[in-house]
């Protein structure tokens, strides 16, 4: 069975962009109790131009469902981290990600001292993406409409945030 820890006062969030590193979380007043390396199978990481106005920040990290996991061009699975945070921290994260992203709950694989296991974790998805099946939107099962992401290179500032967060957590280099 998939472990869903939302029963207690803490919740899990899966971060694959700027939220991987502690800098942004601490700035928001969020202090994770634990952080584990995790990955989101059957999805790929993209830099999505449709999430910005294209001026200061040309593209932000986003995820999308991969039809063909064997596609050599797909940056799949999505590597990131799972933060164990207070339930009240979700409101801070929601506010920092709106209006570009919304929060959905997805099965994520985490590395624990006892080995790999699957957990349900909240993650933030750009508002134009098709996540495929098995998605919970604000606690209800749902299917996000198909998006037409236009990919582009992120700004140096944003790319550095993502890369530094990944290095801080010991994630594999792209």
Protein backbone atom coordinates (compact mmCIF):
# COMPACT_ATOMS: atom_id res chain seq x y z
CA UNK A 1 0.00 0.00 0.00
CA UNK A 2 1.01 3.60 -0.52
CA UNK A 3 1.83 5.41 2.71
CA UNK A 4 -0.19 8.61 3.13
CA UNK A 5 1.11 10.50 6.16
CA UNK A 6 -1.47 13.31 5.99
CA UNK A 7 -3.27 11.87 8.99
CA UNK A 8 -1.00 13.73 11.45
CA UNK A 9 -0.07 17.37 11.89
CA UNK A 10 2.64 17.11 9.26
CA UNK A 11 2.39 16.64 5.50
CA UNK A 12 4.82 15.70 2.75
CA UNK A 13 5.62 17.94 -0.21
CA UNK A 14 7.63 16.94 -3.28
CA UNK A 15 9.86 19.74 -4.61
CA UNK A 16 11.58 19.67 -8.01
CA UNK A 17 12.31 23.38 -8.58
CA UNK A 18 13.34 26.30 -6.40
CA UNK A 19 11.72 24.69 -3.32
CA UNK A 20 14.35 21.91 -3.22
CA UNK A 21 16.91 24.05 -1.40
CA UNK A 22 16.40 25.44 2.07
CA UNK A 23 16.92 29.11 1.09
CA UNK A 24 13.41 29.68 -0.28
CA UNK A 25 11.74 27.61 2.46
CA UNK A 26 13.52 29.48 5.26
CA UNK A 27 12.58 32.76 3.58
CA UNK A 28 8.93 31.63 3.81
CA UNK A 29 9.40 30.66 7.48
CA UNK A 30 9.21 26.92 6.72
CA UNK A 31 11.52 24.54 8.59
CA UNK A 32 11.13 20.95 7.32
CA UNK A 33 11.29 18.28 10.02
CA UNK A 34 12.97 15.88 7.56
CA UNK A 35 13.96 15.99 3.91
CA UNK A 36 14.44 12.85 1.81
CA UNK A 37 15.58 12.41 -1.78
CA UNK A 38 12.63 11.46 -3.96
CA UNK A 39 11.54 10.95 -7.54
CA UNK A 40 8.34 11.15 -9.50
CA UNK A 41 8.12 8.28 -11.98
CA UNK A 42 6.28 8.54 -15.33
CA UNK A 43 6.79 12.33 -15.44
CA UNK A 44 9.45 14.59 -16.89
CA UNK A 45 10.94 17.91 -15.86
CA UNK A 46 10.46 20.79 -18.29
CA UNK A 47 11.12 24.53 -18.24
CA UNK A 48 7.80 26.02 -19.20
CA UNK A 49 7.56 29.42 -20.91
CA UNK A 50 3.78 29.60 -20.56
CA UNK A 51 4.10 30.13 -16.78
CA UNK A 52 5.72 33.57 -17.02
CA UNK A 53 5.37 36.92 -18.71
CA UNK A 54 8.73 36.21 -20.33
CA UNK A 55 10.53 39.33 -19.16
CA UNK A 56 12.55 38.88 -15.94
CA UNK A 57 11.93 35.12 -15.85
CA UNK A 58 11.61 33.43 -19.26
CA UNK A 59 10.60 29.97 -17.93
CA UNK A 60 9.90 28.09 -14.71
CA UNK A 61 10.25 24.41 -13.80
CA UNK A 62 7.19 22.28 -14.37
CA UNK A 63 6.37 18.59 -14.70
CA UNK A 64 4.37 16.66 -17.24
CA UNK A 65 3.23 13.10 -17.67
CA UNK A 66 5.41 11.08 -20.04
CA UNK A 67 3.59 8.86 -22.49
CA UNK A 68 6.76 6.92 -23.31
CA UNK A 69 9.15 6.51 -20.35
CA UNK A 70 11.72 5.08 -22.81
CA UNK A 71 11.84 8.32 -24.84
CA UNK A 72 15.54 9.29 -24.81
CA UNK A 73 14.58 12.99 -24.93
CA UNK A 74 12.39 12.83 -21.83
CA UNK A 75 14.06 14.13 -18.65
CA UNK A 76 12.39 11.36 -16.67
CA UNK A 77 11.86 10.47 -13.89
CA UNK A 78 11.68 13.85 -12.13
CA UNK A 79 14.28 13.96 -9.36
CA UNK A 80 13.59 16.12 -6.35
CA UNK A 81 13.17 16.04 -2.60
CA UNK A 82 10.34 15.30 -0.19
CA UNK A 83 10.05 17.76 2.69
CA UNK A 84 8.15 16.82 5.84
CA UNK A 85 6.46 20.12 6.82
CA UNK A 86 3.70 21.33 9.13
CA UNK A 87 0.20 21.27 7.65
CA UNK A 88 0.04 25.04 8.28
CA UNK A 89 3.08 25.49 5.99
CA UNK A 90 0.97 24.41 3.00
CA UNK A 91 -0.82 27.78 3.07
CA UNK A 92 2.57 29.57 2.88
CA UNK A 93 3.64 27.38 -0.03
CA UNK A 94 0.27 27.83 -1.78
CA UNK A 95 0.62 31.61 -1.51
CA UNK A 96 4.20 31.55 -2.83
CA UNK A 97 3.26 29.39 -5.83
CA UNK A 98 -0.02 31.09 -6.82
CA UNK A 99 -1.30 31.95 -9.38
CA UNK A 100 1.12 30.02 -11.62
CA UNK A 101 0.94 26.66 -9.86
CA UNK A 102 -1.68 24.62 -8.06
CA UNK A 103 -1.15 21.85 -5.52
CA UNK A 104 -1.90 18.21 -6.30
CA UNK A 105 -1.17 14.98 -4.43
CA UNK A 106 0.86 12.35 -6.25
CA UNK A 107 2.67 9.07 -5.50
CA UNK A 108 6.41 9.76 -5.09
CA UNK A 109 9.24 7.29 -4.48
CA UNK A 110 11.54 8.23 -1.60
CA UNK A 111 14.86 6.82 -0.42
CA UNK A 112 14.65 5.94 3.26
CA UNK A 113 17.27 4.21 5.43
CA UNK A 114 15.09 1.08 5.09
CA UNK A 115 15.07 1.32 1.27
CA UNK A 116 12.84 2.86 -1.39
CA UNK A 117 9.14 3.32 -0.61
CA UNK A 118 6.20 5.09 -2.19
CA UNK A 119 4.48 7.94 -0.36
CA UNK A 120 1.73 10.38 -1.24
CA UNK A 121 3.09 13.91 -1.37
CA UNK A 122 1.75 17.31 -2.39
CA UNK A 123 3.50 18.92 -5.32
CA UNK A 124 2.97 22.08 -7.35
CA UNK A 125 2.13 21.86 -11.02
CA UNK A 126 1.93 24.64 -13.59
CA UNK A 127 -1.67 25.51 -14.39
CA UNK A 128 -1.41 24.45 -18.05
CA UNK A 129 -0.28 20.85 -17.70
CA UNK A 130 -1.86 17.46 -18.22
CA UNK A 131 -0.73 15.24 -15.37
CA UNK A 132 -2.37 12.11 -16.65
CA UNK A 133 -4.36 9.83 -14.34
CA UNK A 134 -4.26 9.41 -10.53
CA UNK A 135 -4.20 13.03 -9.50
CA UNK A 136 -5.89 14.55 -6.48
CA UNK A 137 -6.69 18.25 -6.77
CA UNK A 138 -7.17 19.79 -3.30
CA UNK A 139 -8.07 16.40 -1.88
CA UNK A 140 -10.50 15.39 -4.65
CA UNK A 141 -9.70 13.02 -7.50
CA UNK A 142 -9.39 14.99 -10.70
CA UNK A 143 -7.88 15.17 -14.13
CA UNK A 144 -6.18 18.33 -15.28
CA UNK A 145 -6.98 19.39 -18.86
CA UNK A 146 -4.33 18.85 -21.52
CA UNK A 147 -1.75 21.63 -21.62
CA UNK A 148 0.34 22.90 -24.51
CA UNK A 149 3.56 23.75 -22.75
CA UNK A 150 6.03 25.78 -24.71
CA UNK A 151 9.50 25.00 -23.44
CA UNK A 152 12.33 27.48 -23.09
CA UNK A 153 15.52 28.14 -21.13
CA UNK A 154 15.11 29.53 -17.60
CA UNK A 155 16.89 32.65 -16.36
CA UNK A 156 20.37 32.22 -14.92
CA UNK A 157 19.05 33.24 -11.49
CA UNK A 158 16.28 30.63 -11.49
CA UNK A 159 18.47 27.88 -13.01
CA UNK A 160 21.04 28.51 -10.27
CA UNK A 161 18.35 28.18 -7.57
CA UNK A 162 17.28 24.82 -9.01
CA UNK A 163 20.84 23.51 -9.53
CA UNK A 164 22.03 24.70 -6.09
CA UNK A 165 19.01 23.07 -4.43
CA UNK A 166 19.70 19.82 -6.29
CA UNK A 167 23.41 19.86 -5.32
CA UNK A 168 22.54 20.68 -1.71
CA UNK A 169 20.46 17.49 -1.66
CA UNK A 170 22.94 15.30 -3.52
CA UNK A 171 20.66 14.72 -6.52
CA UNK A 172 22.06 13.28 -9.75
CA UNK A 173 23.32 15.87 -12.23
CA UNK A 174 21.29 16.31 -15.40
